[in-house]
Amino acid sequence: MSRRPEAAARFNESAPVFAALGEGARLRIVARLCSEGPLSISRLSAGAGVTRQAVTKHLRTLAEAGLVQGTRAGRERVFELETRRLAMARRCLDQISDQWDAAIGRLRAFVEEER
């Protein structure tokens, strides 16, 4: 049984993650959540150089991609990273890397064989 359809489905499922992380402000939000843990919108906005409304919009995009989850904590909403989606994207990147390594190995063998 071929694993290609399974791999293609995994890549398609990871596409929204890569799209969401492709914007600098969202990538910085994810990095902060990685290093600082769950944060409120006001904490994420402080020192970010963008408005609270912009942070809210970026968090919505990250949530739609499955990268963050928000919960109510009193009057604030606190967001935390969903590491499962990042791990899935990482597996896709690892698979691509393995495929490139195999292709380079085949090229190297071909070039050395031609000498």
PDB file of N, CA and C in Angstrom:
ATOM      1  N   MET A   1       0.835  -1.179   0.000  1.00  0.00           N
ATOM      2  CA  MET A   1       0.000   0.000   0.000  1.00  0.00           C
ATOM      3  C   MET A   1       0.885   1.250   0.000  1.00  0.00           C
ATOM      4  N   SER A   2       0.552   2.177  -0.862  1.00  0.00           N
ATOM      5  CA  SER A   2       1.336   3.407  -0.991  1.00  0.00           C
ATOM      6  C   SER A   2       1.016   4.370   0.143  1.00  0.00           C
ATOM      7  N   ARG A   3       2.060   5.062   0.609  1.00  0.00           N
ATOM      8  CA  ARG A   3       1.881   6.054   1.671  1.00  0.00           C
ATOM      9  C   ARG A   3       1.694   7.452   1.091  1.00  0.00           C
ATOM     10  N   ARG A   4       1.756   7.593  -0.221  1.00  0.00           N
ATOM     11  CA  ARG A   4       1.654   8.910  -0.848  1.00  0.00           C
ATOM     12  C   ARG A   4       0.326   9.609  -0.554  1.00  0.00           C
ATOM     13  N   PRO A   5      -0.822   8.953  -0.684  1.00  0.00           N
ATOM     14  CA  PRO A   5      -2.071   9.652  -0.372  1.00  0.00           C
ATOM     15  C   PRO A   5      -2.122  10.102   1.087  1.00  0.00           C
ATOM     16  N   GLU A   6      -1.591   9.277   1.979  1.00  0.00           N
ATOM     17  CA  GLU A   6      -1.551   9.637   3.395  1.00  0.00           C
ATOM     18  C   GLU A   6      -0.651  10.852   3.614  1.00  0.00           C
ATOM     19  N   ALA A   7       0.496  10.870   2.970  1.00  0.00           N
ATOM     20  CA  ALA A   7       1.419  11.995   3.092  1.00  0.00           C
ATOM     21  C   ALA A   7       0.808  13.253   2.490  1.00  0.00           C
ATOM     22  N   ALA A   8       0.159  13.116   1.346  1.00  0.00           N
ATOM     23  CA  ALA A   8      -0.473  14.273   0.706  1.00  0.00           C
ATOM     24  C   ALA A   8      -1.567  14.846   1.603  1.00  0.00           C
ATOM     25  N   ALA A   9      -2.334  13.992   2.237  1.00  0.00           N
ATOM     26  CA  ALA A   9      -3.381  14.468   3.146  1.00  0.00           C
ATOM     27  C   ALA A   9      -2.762  15.200   4.329  1.00  0.00           C
ATOM     28  N   ARG A  10      -1.656  14.689   4.833  1.00  0.00           N
ATOM     29  CA  ARG A  10      -0.971  15.329   5.957  1.00  0.00           C
ATOM     30  C   ARG A  10      -0.435  16.702   5.541  1.00  0.00           C
ATOM     31  N   PHE A  11       0.116  16.791   4.337  1.00  0.00           N
ATOM     32  CA  PHE A  11       0.617  18.071   3.843  1.00  0.00           C
ATOM     33  C   PHE A  11      -0.533  19.061   3.682  1.00  0.00           C
ATOM     34  N   ASN A  12      -1.643  18.613   3.121  1.00  0.00           N
ATOM     35  CA  ASN A  12      -2.802  19.486   2.944  1.00  0.00           C
ATOM     36  C   ASN A  12      -3.337  19.973   4.283  1.00  0.00           C
ATOM     37  N   GLU A  13      -3.316  19.101   5.261  1.00  0.00           N
ATOM     38  CA  GLU A  13      -3.791  19.469   6.592  1.00  0.00           C
ATOM     39  C   GLU A  13      -2.859  20.478   7.268  1.00  0.00           C
ATOM     40  N   SER A  14      -1.589  20.433   6.917  1.00  0.00           N
ATOM     41  CA  SER A  14      -0.607  21.351   7.509  1.00  0.00           C
ATOM     42  C   SER A  14      -0.529  22.690   6.789  1.00  0.00           C
ATOM     43  N   ALA A  15      -1.085  22.791   5.598  1.00  0.00           N
ATOM     44  CA  ALA A  15      -0.983  24.025   4.813  1.00  0.00           C
ATOM     45  C   ALA A  15      -1.476  25.260   5.574  1.00  0.00           C
ATOM     46  N   PRO A  16      -2.625  25.204   6.286  1.00  0.00           N
ATOM     47  CA  PRO A  16      -3.058  26.391   7.021  1.00  0.00           C
ATOM     48  C   PRO A  16      -2.063  26.811   8.114  1.00  0.00           C
ATOM     49  N   VAL A  17      -1.359  25.857   8.676  1.00  0.00           N
ATOM     50  CA  VAL A  17      -0.357  26.172   9.699  1.00  0.00           C
ATOM     51  C   VAL A  17       0.771  26.990   9.074  1.00  0.00           C
ATOM     52  N   PHE A  18       1.271  26.527   7.928  1.00  0.00           N
ATOM     53  CA  PHE A  18       2.358  27.247   7.262  1.00  0.00           C
ATOM     54  C   PHE A  18       1.893  28.616   6.784  1.00  0.00           C
ATOM     55  N   ALA A  19       0.662  28.695   6.285  1.00  0.00           N
ATOM     56  CA  ALA A  19       0.128  29.988   5.840  1.00  0.00           C
ATOM     57  C   ALA A  19       0.029  30.965   7.012  1.00  0.00           C
ATOM     58  N   ALA A  20      -0.443  30.474   8.146  1.00  0.00           N
ATOM     59  CA  ALA A  20      -0.584  31.344   9.327  1.00  0.00           C
ATOM     60  C   ALA A  20       0.779  31.802   9.838  1.00  0.00           C
ATOM     61  N   LEU A  21       1.758  30.929   9.794  1.00  0.00           N
ATOM     62  CA  LEU A  21       3.088  31.277  10.297  1.00  0.00           C
ATOM     63  C   LEU A  21       3.889  32.109   9.302  1.00  0.00           C
ATOM     64  N   GLY A  22       3.372  32.263   8.083  1.00  0.00           N
ATOM     65  CA  GLY A  22       4.077  33.004   7.054  1.00  0.00           C
ATOM     66  C   GLY A  22       4.040  34.515   7.245  1.00  0.00           C
ATOM     67  N   GLU A  23       3.323  34.990   8.216  1.00  0.00           N
ATOM     68  CA  GLU A  23       3.244  36.426   8.495  1.00  0.00           C
ATOM     69  C   GLU A  23       4.053  36.707   9.753  1.00  0.00           C
ATOM     70  N   GLY A  24       4.906  37.713   9.705  1.00  0.00           N
ATOM     71  CA  GLY A  24       5.856  37.980  10.784  1.00  0.00           C
ATOM     72  C   GLY A  24       5.239  38.210  12.145  1.00  0.00           C
ATOM     73  N   ALA A  25       4.164  38.982  12.216  1.00  0.00           N
ATOM     74  CA  ALA A  25       3.544  39.274  13.518  1.00  0.00           C
ATOM     75  C   ALA A  25       2.978  38.001  14.135  1.00  0.00           C
ATOM     76  N   ARG A  26       2.369  37.148  13.313  1.00  0.00           N
ATOM     77  CA  ARG A  26       1.824  35.893  13.849  1.00  0.00           C
ATOM     78  C   ARG A  26       2.942  34.970  14.309  1.00  0.00           C
ATOM     79  N   LEU A  27       4.025  34.935  13.560  1.00  0.00           N
ATOM     80  CA  LEU A  27       5.161  34.112  13.961  1.00  0.00           C
ATOM     81  C   LEU A  27       5.733  34.600  15.295  1.00  0.00           C
ATOM     82  N   ARG A  28       5.800  35.914  15.485  1.00  0.00           N
ATOM     83  CA  ARG A  28       6.280  36.463  16.758  1.00  0.00           C
ATOM     84  C   ARG A  28       5.330  36.118  17.905  1.00  0.00           C
ATOM     85  N   ILE A  29       4.023  36.138  17.648  1.00  0.00           N
ATOM     86  CA  ILE A  29       3.052  35.754  18.679  1.00  0.00           C
ATOM     87  C   ILE A  29       3.280  34.303  19.088  1.00  0.00           C
ATOM     88  N   VAL A  30       3.440  33.421  18.107  1.00  0.00           N
ATOM     89  CA  VAL A  30       3.681  32.001  18.401  1.00  0.00           C
ATOM     90  C   VAL A  30       4.981  31.843  19.181  1.00  0.00           C
ATOM     91  N   ALA A  31       6.012  32.575  18.793  1.00  0.00           N
ATOM     92  CA  ALA A  31       7.291  32.492  19.508  1.00  0.00           C
ATOM     93  C   ALA A  31       7.128  32.939  20.956  1.00  0.00           C
ATOM     94  N   ARG A  32       6.367  34.003  21.180  1.00  0.00           N
ATOM     95  CA  ARG A  32       6.147  34.459  22.558  1.00  0.00           C
ATOM     96  C   ARG A  32       5.368  33.433  23.368  1.00  0.00           C
ATOM     97  N   LEU A  33       4.352  32.846  22.761  1.00  0.00           N
ATOM     98  CA  LEU A  33       3.581  31.827  23.475  1.00  0.00           C
ATOM     99  C   LEU A  33       4.446  30.604  23.779  1.00  0.00           C
ATOM    100  N   CYS A  34       5.379  30.298  22.886  1.00  0.00           N
ATOM    101  CA  CYS A  34       6.316  29.188  23.129  1.00  0.00           C
ATOM    102  C   CYS A  34       7.215  29.486  24.320  1.00  0.00           C
ATOM    103  N   SER A  35       7.747  30.695  24.355  1.00  0.00           N
ATOM    104  CA  SER A  35       8.729  31.010  25.393  1.00  0.00           C
ATOM    105  C   SER A  35       8.106  31.468  26.707  1.00  0.00           C
ATOM    106  N   GLU A  36       6.952  32.151  26.649  1.00  0.00           N
ATOM    107  CA  GLU A  36       6.364  32.719  27.862  1.00  0.00           C
ATOM    108  C   GLU A  36       5.146  31.968  28.380  1.00  0.00           C
ATOM    109  N   GLY A  37       4.615  31.045  27.589  1.00  0.00           N
ATOM    110  CA  GLY A  37       3.423  30.320  28.007  1.00  0.00           C
ATOM    111  C   GLY A  37       2.166  31.115  27.699  1.00  0.00           C
ATOM    112  N   PRO A  38       1.029  30.686  28.247  1.00  0.00           N
ATOM    113  CA  PRO A  38      -0.244  31.357  27.958  1.00  0.00           C
ATOM    114  C   PRO A  38      -0.200  32.845  28.312  1.00  0.00           C
ATOM    115  N   LEU A  39      -0.756  33.674  27.391  1.00  0.00           N
ATOM    116  CA  LEU A  39      -0.765  35.125  27.594  1.00  0.00           C
ATOM    117  C   LEU A  39      -2.111  35.713  27.189  1.00  0.00           C
ATOM    118  N   SER A  40      -2.472  36.786  27.859  1.00  0.00           N
ATOM    119  CA  SER A  40      -3.694  37.510  27.501  1.00  0.00           C
ATOM    120  C   SER A  40      -3.418  38.383  26.278  1.00  0.00           C
ATOM    121  N   ILE A  41      -4.490  38.851  25.664  1.00  0.00           N
ATOM    122  CA  ILE A  41      -4.352  39.734  24.513  1.00  0.00           C
ATOM    123  C   ILE A  41      -3.626  41.010  24.916  1.00  0.00           C
ATOM    124  N   SER A  42      -3.937  41.535  26.095  1.00  0.00           N
ATOM    125  CA  SER A  42      -3.269  42.768  26.523  1.00  0.00           C
ATOM    126  C   SER A  42      -1.769  42.541  26.733  1.00  0.00           C
ATOM    127  N   ARG A  43      -1.384  41.387  27.262  1.00  0.00           N
ATOM    128  CA  ARG A  43       0.055  41.081  27.430  1.00  0.00           C
ATOM    129  C   ARG A  43       0.731  40.886  26.078  1.00  0.00           C
ATOM    130  N   LEU A  44       0.028  40.231  25.143  1.00  0.00           N
ATOM    131  CA  LEU A  44       0.589  40.032  23.812  1.00  0.00           C
ATOM    132  C   LEU A  44       0.719  41.359  23.056  1.00  0.00           C
ATOM    133  N   SER A  45      -0.190  42.286  23.318  1.00  0.00           N
ATOM    134  CA  SER A  45      -0.164  43.592  22.649  1.00  0.00           C
ATOM    135  C   SER A  45       0.944  44.487  23.191  1.00  0.00           C
ATOM    136  N   ALA A  46       1.242  44.354  24.486  1.00  0.00           N
ATOM    137  CA  ALA A  46       2.239  45.219  25.124  1.00  0.00           C
ATOM    138  C   ALA A  46       3.606  45.002  24.485  1.00  0.00           C
ATOM    139  N   GLY A  47       4.170  46.063  23.965  1.00  0.00           N
ATOM    140  CA  GLY A  47       5.503  46.006  23.379  1.00  0.00           C
ATOM    141  C   GLY A  47       5.587  45.307  22.037  1.00  0.00           C
ATOM    142  N   ALA A  48       4.438  44.952  21.457  1.00  0.00           N
ATOM    143  CA  ALA A  48       4.447  44.230  20.186  1.00  0.00           C
ATOM    144  C   ALA A  48       4.533  45.165  18.987  1.00  0.00           C
ATOM    145  N   GLY A  49       4.266  46.445  19.213  1.00  0.00           N
ATOM    146  CA  GLY A  49       4.321  47.394  18.111  1.00  0.00           C
ATOM    147  C   GLY A  49       3.105  47.341  17.202  1.00  0.00           C
ATOM    148  N   VAL A  50       2.069  46.618  17.616  1.00  0.00           N
ATOM    149  CA  VAL A  50       0.806  46.567  16.874  1.00  0.00           C
ATOM    150  C   VAL A  50      -0.337  46.783  17.852  1.00  0.00           C
ATOM    151  N   THR A  51      -1.474  47.169  17.324  1.00  0.00           N
ATOM    152  CA  THR A  51      -2.623  47.448  18.185  1.00  0.00           C
ATOM    153  C   THR A  51      -3.221  46.161  18.746  1.00  0.00           C
ATOM    154  N   ARG A  52      -3.994  46.342  19.771  1.00  0.00           N
ATOM    155  CA  ARG A  52      -4.720  45.219  20.372  1.00  0.00           C
ATOM    156  C   ARG A  52      -5.639  44.565  19.337  1.00  0.00           C
ATOM    157  N   GLN A  53      -6.274  45.403  18.499  1.00  0.00           N
ATOM    158  CA  GLN A  53      -7.161  44.879  17.457  1.00  0.00           C
ATOM    159  C   GLN A  53      -6.385  44.027  16.455  1.00  0.00           C
ATOM    160  N   ALA A  54      -5.165  44.463  16.120  1.00  0.00           N
ATOM    161  CA  ALA A  54      -4.344  43.682  15.190  1.00  0.00           C
ATOM    162  C   ALA A  54      -3.947  42.347  15.817  1.00  0.00           C
ATOM    163  N   VAL A  55      -3.578  42.374  17.086  1.00  0.00           N
ATOM    164  CA  VAL A  55      -3.223  41.133  17.782  1.00  0.00           C
ATOM    165  C   VAL A  55      -4.427  40.198  17.804  1.00  0.00           C
ATOM    166  N   THR A  56      -5.607  40.739  18.067  1.00  0.00           N
ATOM    167  CA  THR A  56      -6.832  39.928  18.084  1.00  0.00           C
ATOM    168  C   THR A  56      -7.064  39.278  16.723  1.00  0.00           C
ATOM    169  N   LYS A  57      -6.868  40.041  15.663  1.00  0.00           N
ATOM    170  CA  LYS A  57      -7.045  39.509  14.309  1.00  0.00           C
ATOM    171  C   LYS A  57      -6.026  38.398  14.032  1.00  0.00           C
ATOM    172  N   HIS A  58      -4.774  38.611  14.419  1.00  0.00           N
ATOM    173  CA  HIS A  58      -3.751  37.584  14.216  1.00  0.00           C
ATOM    174  C   HIS A  58      -4.067  36.326  15.036  1.00  0.00           C
ATOM    175  N   LEU A  59      -4.547  36.509  16.244  1.00  0.00           N
ATOM    176  CA  LEU A  59      -4.903  35.358  17.086  1.00  0.00           C
ATOM    177  C   LEU A  59      -6.060  34.571  16.468  1.00  0.00           C
ATOM    178  N   ARG A  60      -6.998  35.273  15.847  1.00  0.00           N
ATOM    179  CA  ARG A  60      -8.119  34.600  15.184  1.00  0.00           C
ATOM    180  C   ARG A  60      -7.589  33.719  14.046  1.00  0.00           C
ATOM    181  N   THR A  61      -6.662  34.259  13.266  1.00  0.00           N
ATOM    182  CA  THR A  61      -6.070  33.482  12.170  1.00  0.00           C
ATOM    183  C   THR A  61      -5.312  32.274  12.713  1.00  0.00           C
ATOM    184  N   LEU A  62      -4.544  32.481  13.775  1.00  0.00           N
ATOM    185  CA  LEU A  62      -3.802  31.376  14.391  1.00  0.00           C
ATOM    186  C   LEU A  62      -4.748  30.322  14.954  1.00  0.00           C
ATOM    187  N   ALA A  63      -5.859  30.754  15.526  1.00  0.00           N
ATOM    188  CA  ALA A  63      -6.843  29.809  16.075  1.00  0.00           C
ATOM    189  C   ALA A  63      -7.497  29.016  14.950  1.00  0.00           C
ATOM    190  N   GLU A  64      -7.819  29.679  13.837  1.00  0.00           N
ATOM    191  CA  GLU A  64      -8.418  28.976  12.698  1.00  0.00           C
ATOM    192  C   GLU A  64      -7.466  27.934  12.126  1.00  0.00           C
ATOM    193  N   ALA A  65      -6.170  28.180  12.221  1.00  0.00           N
ATOM    194  CA  ALA A  65      -5.170  27.214  11.758  1.00  0.00           C
ATOM    195  C   ALA A  65      -4.905  26.127  12.800  1.00  0.00           C
ATOM    196  N   GLY A  66      -5.521  26.261  13.979  1.00  0.00           N
ATOM    197  CA  GLY A  66      -5.343  25.264  15.035  1.00  0.00           C
ATOM    198  C   GLY A  66      -4.077  25.433  15.848  1.00  0.00           C
ATOM    199  N   LEU A  67      -3.457  26.618  15.763  1.00  0.00           N
ATOM    200  CA  LEU A  67      -2.188  26.843  16.460  1.00  0.00           C
ATOM    201  C   LEU A  67      -2.338  27.391  17.867  1.00  0.00           C
ATOM    202  N   VAL A  68      -3.433  28.073  18.159  1.00  0.00           N
ATOM    203  CA  VAL A  68      -3.654  28.603  19.497  1.00  0.00           C
ATOM    204  C   VAL A  68      -5.086  28.319  19.919  1.00  0.00           C
ATOM    205  N   GLN A  69      -5.275  28.358  21.213  1.00  0.00           N
ATOM    206  CA  GLN A  69      -6.607  28.185  21.779  1.00  0.00           C
ATOM    207  C   GLN A  69      -6.783  29.233  22.862  1.00  0.00           C
ATOM    208  N   GLY A  70      -7.929  29.884  22.836  1.00  0.00           N
ATOM    209  CA  GLY A  70      -8.215  30.908  23.836  1.00  0.00           C
ATOM    210  C   GLY A  70      -9.221  30.432  24.854  1.00  0.00           C
ATOM    211  N   THR A  71      -9.008  30.832  26.107  1.00  0.00           N
ATOM    212  CA  THR A  71      -9.953  30.527  27.183  1.00  0.00           C
ATOM    213  C   THR A  71     -10.185  31.793  27.987  1.00  0.00           C
ATOM    214  N   ARG A  72     -11.339  31.880  28.579  1.00  0.00           N
ATOM    215  CA  ARG A  72     -11.682  33.026  29.414  1.00  0.00           C
ATOM    216  C   ARG A  72     -11.028  32.868  30.781  1.00  0.00           C
ATOM    217  N   ALA A  73     -10.437  33.968  31.252  1.00  0.00           N
ATOM    218  CA  ALA A  73      -9.866  34.029  32.598  1.00  0.00           C
ATOM    219  C   ALA A  73     -10.342  35.356  33.184  1.00  0.00           C
ATOM    220  N   GLY A  74     -11.490  35.308  33.828  1.00  0.00           N
ATOM    221  CA  GLY A  74     -12.083  36.546  34.333  1.00  0.00           C
ATOM    222  C   GLY A  74     -12.554  37.394  33.183  1.00  0.00           C
ATOM    223  N   ARG A  75     -12.090  38.630  33.146  1.00  0.00           N
ATOM    224  CA  ARG A  75     -12.493  39.545  32.079  1.00  0.00           C
ATOM    225  C   ARG A  75     -11.623  39.434  30.842  1.00  0.00           C
ATOM    226  N   GLU A  76     -10.544  38.696  30.940  1.00  0.00           N
ATOM    227  CA  GLU A  76      -9.616  38.587  29.819  1.00  0.00           C
ATOM    228  C   GLU A  76      -9.720  37.238  29.131  1.00  0.00           C
ATOM    229  N   ARG A  77      -9.211  37.209  27.941  1.00  0.00           N
ATOM    230  CA  ARG A  77      -9.093  35.965  27.184  1.00  0.00           C
ATOM    231  C   ARG A  77      -7.603  35.644  27.112  1.00  0.00           C
ATOM    232  N   VAL A  78      -7.257  34.444  27.511  1.00  0.00           N
ATOM    233  CA  VAL A  78      -5.854  33.999  27.543  1.00  0.00           C
ATOM    234  C   VAL A  78      -5.658  32.967  26.442  1.00  0.00           C
ATOM    235  N   PHE A  79      -4.570  33.152  25.694  1.00  0.00           N
ATOM    236  CA  PHE A  79      -4.276  32.244  24.583  1.00  0.00           C
ATOM    237  C   PHE A  79      -3.050  31.411  24.901  1.00  0.00           C
ATOM    238  N   GLU A  80      -3.145  30.144  24.477  1.00  0.00           N
ATOM    239  CA  GLU A  80      -2.007  29.249  24.632  1.00  0.00           C
ATOM    240  C   GLU A  80      -1.788  28.491  23.337  1.00  0.00           C
ATOM    241  N   LEU A  81      -0.573  28.028  23.175  1.00  0.00           N
ATOM    242  CA  LEU A  81      -0.157  27.338  21.967  1.00  0.00           C
ATOM    243  C   LEU A  81      -0.730  25.930  21.931  1.00  0.00           C
ATOM    244  N   GLU A  82      -1.162  25.516  20.747  1.00  0.00           N
ATOM    245  CA  GLU A  82      -1.596  24.143  20.507  1.00  0.00           C
ATOM    246  C   GLU A  82      -0.429  23.413  19.850  1.00  0.00           C
ATOM    247  N   THR A  83       0.374  22.740  20.646  1.00  0.00           N
ATOM    248  CA  THR A  83       1.620  22.140  20.142  1.00  0.00           C
ATOM    249  C   THR A  83       1.377  20.967  19.192  1.00  0.00           C
ATOM    250  N   ARG A  84       0.209  20.362  19.259  1.00  0.00           N
ATOM    251  CA  ARG A  84      -0.087  19.215  18.395  1.00  0.00           C
ATOM    252  C   ARG A  84      -0.017  19.615  16.916  1.00  0.00           C
ATOM    253  N   ARG A  85      -0.560  20.794  16.577  1.00  0.00           N
ATOM    254  CA  ARG A  85      -0.537  21.253  15.188  1.00  0.00           C
ATOM    255  C   ARG A  85       0.889  21.586  14.741  1.00  0.00           C
ATOM    256  N   LEU A  86       1.671  22.164  15.634  1.00  0.00           N
ATOM    257  CA  LEU A  86       3.068  22.446  15.296  1.00  0.00           C
ATOM    258  C   LEU A  86       3.836  21.149  15.069  1.00  0.00           C
ATOM    259  N   ALA A  87       3.570  20.159  15.886  1.00  0.00           N
ATOM    260  CA  ALA A  87       4.256  18.866  15.742  1.00  0.00           C
ATOM    261  C   ALA A  87       3.898  18.217  14.408  1.00  0.00           C
ATOM    262  N   MET A  88       2.643  18.328  13.992  1.00  0.00           N
ATOM    263  CA  MET A  88       2.227  17.769  12.709  1.00  0.00           C
ATOM    264  C   MET A  88       2.959  18.484  11.561  1.00  0.00           C
ATOM    265  N   ALA A  89       3.049  19.802  11.629  1.00  0.00           N
ATOM    266  CA  ALA A  89       3.767  20.549  10.597  1.00  0.00           C
ATOM    267  C   ALA A  89       5.243  20.160  10.594  1.00  0.00           C
ATOM    268  N   ARG A  90       5.790  19.963  11.769  1.00  0.00           N
ATOM    269  CA  ARG A  90       7.195  19.553  11.880  1.00  0.00           C
ATOM    270  C   ARG A  90       7.423  18.200  11.212  1.00  0.00           C
ATOM    271  N   ARG A  91       6.496  17.270  11.392  1.00  0.00           N
ATOM    272  CA  ARG A  91       6.621  15.954  10.744  1.00  0.00           C
ATOM    273  C   ARG A  91       6.610  16.101   9.220  1.00  0.00           C
ATOM    274  N   CYS A  92       5.784  17.011   8.710  1.00  0.00           N
ATOM    275  CA  CYS A  92       5.758  17.256   7.262  1.00  0.00           C
ATOM    276  C   CYS A  92       7.095  17.794   6.780  1.00  0.00           C
ATOM    277  N   LEU A  93       7.644  18.755   7.511  1.00  0.00           N
ATOM    278  CA  LEU A  93       8.955  19.302   7.140  1.00  0.00           C
ATOM    279  C   LEU A  93      10.041  18.231   7.217  1.00  0.00           C
ATOM    280  N   ASP A  94       9.973  17.374   8.235  1.00  0.00           N
ATOM    281  CA  ASP A  94      10.949  16.282   8.350  1.00  0.00           C
ATOM    282  C   ASP A  94      10.851  15.337   7.156  1.00  0.00           C
ATOM    283  N   GLN A  95       9.627  15.048   6.717  1.00  0.00           N
ATOM    284  CA  GLN A  95       9.447  14.163   5.572  1.00  0.00           C
ATOM    285  C   GLN A  95      10.006  14.798   4.303  1.00  0.00           C
ATOM    286  N   ILE A  96       9.755  16.081   4.111  1.00  0.00           N
ATOM    287  CA  ILE A  96      10.314  16.782   2.949  1.00  0.00           C
ATOM    288  C   ILE A  96      11.838  16.758   3.006  1.00  0.00           C
ATOM    289  N   SER A  97      12.382  16.993   4.192  1.00  0.00           N
ATOM    290  CA  SER A  97      13.836  16.970   4.363  1.00  0.00           C
ATOM    291  C   SER A  97      14.400  15.589   4.025  1.00  0.00           C
ATOM    292  N   ASP A  98      13.734  14.541   4.483  1.00  0.00           N
ATOM    293  CA  ASP A  98      14.178  13.176   4.179  1.00  0.00           C
ATOM    294  C   ASP A  98      14.146  12.911   2.675  1.00  0.00           C
ATOM    295  N   GLN A  99      13.105  13.411   2.004  1.00  0.00           N
ATOM    296  CA  GLN A  99      13.004  13.220   0.557  1.00  0.00           C
ATOM    297  C   GLN A  99      14.132  13.950  -0.173  1.00  0.00           C
ATOM    298  N   TRP A 100      14.450  15.155   0.282  1.00  0.00           N
ATOM    299  CA  TRP A 100      15.562  15.905  -0.319  1.00  0.00           C
ATOM    300  C   TRP A 100      16.882  15.188  -0.068  1.00  0.00           C
ATOM    301  N   ASP A 101      17.075  14.685   1.134  1.00  0.00           N
ATOM    302  CA  ASP A 101      18.307  13.953   1.438  1.00  0.00           C
ATOM    303  C   ASP A 101      18.453  12.731   0.531  1.00  0.00           C
ATOM    304  N   ALA A 102      17.348  12.016   0.324  1.00  0.00           N
ATOM    305  CA  ALA A 102      17.380  10.838  -0.544  1.00  0.00           C
ATOM    306  C   ALA A 102      17.690  11.242  -1.983  1.00  0.00           C
ATOM    307  N   ALA A 103      17.088  12.335  -2.450  1.00  0.00           N
ATOM    308  CA  ALA A 103      17.334  12.800  -3.821  1.00  0.00           C
ATOM    309  C   ALA A 103      18.791  13.223  -3.993  1.00  0.00           C
ATOM    310  N   ILE A 104      19.332  13.910  -3.020  1.00  0.00           N
ATOM    311  CA  ILE A 104      20.740  14.326  -3.085  1.00  0.00           C
ATOM    312  C   ILE A 104      21.653  13.105  -3.059  1.00  0.00           C
ATOM    313  N   GLY A 105      21.285  12.113  -2.263  1.00  0.00           N
ATOM    314  CA  GLY A 105      22.062  10.872  -2.230  1.00  0.00           C
ATOM    315  C   GLY A 105      22.058  10.171  -3.570  1.00  0.00           C
ATOM    316  N   ARG A 106      20.908  10.139  -4.228  1.00  0.00           N
ATOM    317  CA  ARG A 106      20.840   9.524  -5.558  1.00  0.00           C
ATOM    318  C   ARG A 106      21.676  10.313  -6.566  1.00  0.00           C
ATOM    319  N   LEU A 107      21.609  11.645  -6.482  1.00  0.00           N
ATOM    320  CA  LEU A 107      22.398  12.484  -7.383  1.00  0.00           C
ATOM    321  C   LEU A 107      23.892  12.259  -7.153  1.00  0.00           C
ATOM    322  N   ARG A 108      24.292  12.206  -5.892  1.00  0.00           N
ATOM    323  CA  ARG A 108      25.699  11.984  -5.562  1.00  0.00           C
ATOM    324  C   ARG A 108      26.165  10.639  -6.118  1.00  0.00           C
ATOM    325  N   ALA A 109      25.348   9.611  -5.921  1.00  0.00           N
ATOM    326  CA  ALA A 109      25.711   8.278  -6.430  1.00  0.00           C
ATOM    327  C   ALA A 109      25.820   8.297  -7.947  1.00  0.00           C
ATOM    328  N   PHE A 110      24.917   8.986  -8.618  1.00  0.00           N
ATOM    329  CA  PHE A 110      24.956   9.082 -10.073  1.00  0.00           C
ATOM    330  C   PHE A 110      26.214   9.800 -10.540  1.00  0.00           C
ATOM    331  N   VAL A 111      26.536  10.922  -9.923  1.00  0.00           N
ATOM    332  CA  VAL A 111      27.719  11.699 -10.313  1.00  0.00           C
ATOM    333  C   VAL A 111      28.994  10.898 -10.066  1.00  0.00           C
ATOM    334  N   GLU A 112      29.071  10.224  -8.941  1.00  0.00           N
ATOM    335  CA  GLU A 112      30.274   9.438  -8.630  1.00  0.00           C
ATOM    336  C   GLU A 112      30.388   8.240  -9.551  1.00  0.00           C
ATOM    337  N   GLU A 113      29.266   7.698  -9.978  1.00  0.00           N
ATOM    338  CA  GLU A 113      29.261   6.559 -10.894  1.00  0.00           C
ATOM    339  C   GLU A 113      29.755   6.979 -12.285  1.00  0.00           C
ATOM    340  N   GLU A 114      29.495   8.210 -12.663  1.00  0.00           N
ATOM    341  CA  GLU A 114      29.884   8.713 -13.981  1.00  0.00           C
ATOM    342  C   GLU A 114      31.369   9.061 -14.058  1.00  0.00           C
ATOM    343  N   ARG A 115      32.058   9.164 -12.956  1.00  0.00           N
ATOM    344  CA  ARG A 115      33.487   9.532 -12.951  1.00  0.00           C
ATOM    345  C   ARG A 115      34.316   8.476 -13.523  1.00  0.00           C
TER     346      ARG A 115
END
